[in-house]
Protein backbone atom coordinates (compact mmCIF):
# COMPACT_ATOMS: atom_id res chain seq x y z
CA MET A 1 -0.16 5.00 8.17
CA LEU A 2 -0.66 1.46 6.86
CA LEU A 3 2.89 1.36 5.49
CA ARG A 4 4.36 1.71 8.99
CA GLY A 5 4.71 -2.04 9.27
CA THR A 6 2.86 -5.25 9.93
CA LYS A 7 3.00 -7.86 12.66
CA ARG A 8 5.71 -9.67 10.64
CA PHE A 9 7.48 -6.90 8.70
CA THR A 10 8.97 -3.58 9.71
CA TYR A 11 8.57 -0.46 7.58
CA GLN A 12 12.07 -0.97 6.20
CA GLN A 13 11.39 -4.61 5.32
CA ILE A 14 8.28 -3.55 3.41
CA ARG A 15 10.26 -0.85 1.55
CA ASP A 16 12.98 -3.40 0.73
CA ARG A 17 10.39 -5.85 -0.56
CA LEU A 18 8.81 -3.18 -2.74
CA ASP A 19 12.26 -2.34 -4.14
CA LYS A 20 12.92 -6.00 -4.89
CA LEU A 21 9.56 -6.22 -6.69
CA LYS A 22 10.29 -2.97 -8.54
CA ALA A 23 6.93 -1.81 -7.23
CA GLU A 24 5.36 1.45 -6.15
CA LEU A 25 2.58 1.37 -3.57
CA THR A 26 0.43 4.10 -2.07
CA ILE A 27 -2.29 3.41 0.47
CA SER A 28 -4.47 6.23 1.76
CA GLY A 29 -7.90 7.23 2.93
CA ASP A 30 -7.97 10.26 0.63
CA THR A 31 -9.66 10.10 -2.74
CA PRO A 32 -8.67 12.61 -5.42
CA ASP A 33 -11.43 14.52 -7.13
CA SER A 34 -11.53 15.19 -10.87
CA ASP A 35 -8.92 17.98 -10.71
CA GLY A 36 -6.48 15.88 -8.66
CA GLN A 37 -7.13 17.61 -5.34
CA ALA A 38 -7.54 15.37 -2.31
CA GLN A 39 -10.98 15.14 -0.80
CA PRO A 40 -11.52 14.67 2.94
CA PRO A 41 -10.89 11.07 4.06
CA LYS A 42 -13.88 8.75 4.13
CA PRO A 43 -13.90 6.56 7.25
CA ASP A 44 -14.94 3.47 5.30
CA ALA A 45 -12.71 3.92 2.24
CA VAL A 46 -9.14 2.89 1.49
CA VAL A 47 -7.47 3.84 -1.76
CA LEU A 48 -4.70 1.65 -3.17
CA GLN A 49 -2.47 2.65 -6.03
CA PHE A 50 0.26 0.30 -7.17
CA GLN A 51 2.51 -0.38 -10.10
CA THR A 52 4.81 -3.31 -10.81
CA LYS A 53 5.78 -5.68 -13.58
CA ARG A 54 3.32 -8.42 -14.44
CA GLU A 55 5.58 -11.19 -13.12
CA HIS A 56 5.76 -9.49 -9.70
CA LEU A 57 2.01 -8.93 -9.33
CA PRO A 58 1.21 -12.07 -7.26
CA ALA A 59 3.97 -11.28 -4.74
CA LEU A 60 2.90 -7.63 -4.54
CA LEU A 61 -0.73 -8.62 -3.94
CA ASP A 62 0.42 -10.94 -1.13
CA LEU A 63 2.34 -8.04 0.43
CA ILE A 64 -0.67 -5.73 0.11
CA ALA A 65 -2.85 -8.35 1.82
CA GLU A 66 -0.34 -8.57 4.67
CA ILE A 67 -0.31 -4.77 5.05
CA LEU A 68 -4.11 -4.50 5.08
CA GLN A 69 -4.86 -7.54 7.25
CA GLN A 70 -1.99 -7.41 9.78
CA PRO A 71 -1.06 -3.76 10.43
CA SER A 72 1.27 -3.17 13.37
CA PHE A 73 -0.89 -0.45 14.95
């Protein structure tokens, strides 16, 4: 849901930015248990998983902050 867009960026612009940063990003409210199965969402928890090259980390963290602080919904 959080990757639908922000007040400044559309979903496609976010996807394009992630491609440019050679990054993968998953944001969810589900937390996997020890056997990898998703547990029910916790209303006060957000799980972020990301991967990128070291040189792209500052830009990716800026994008993540935008997504979390300025969602379009």
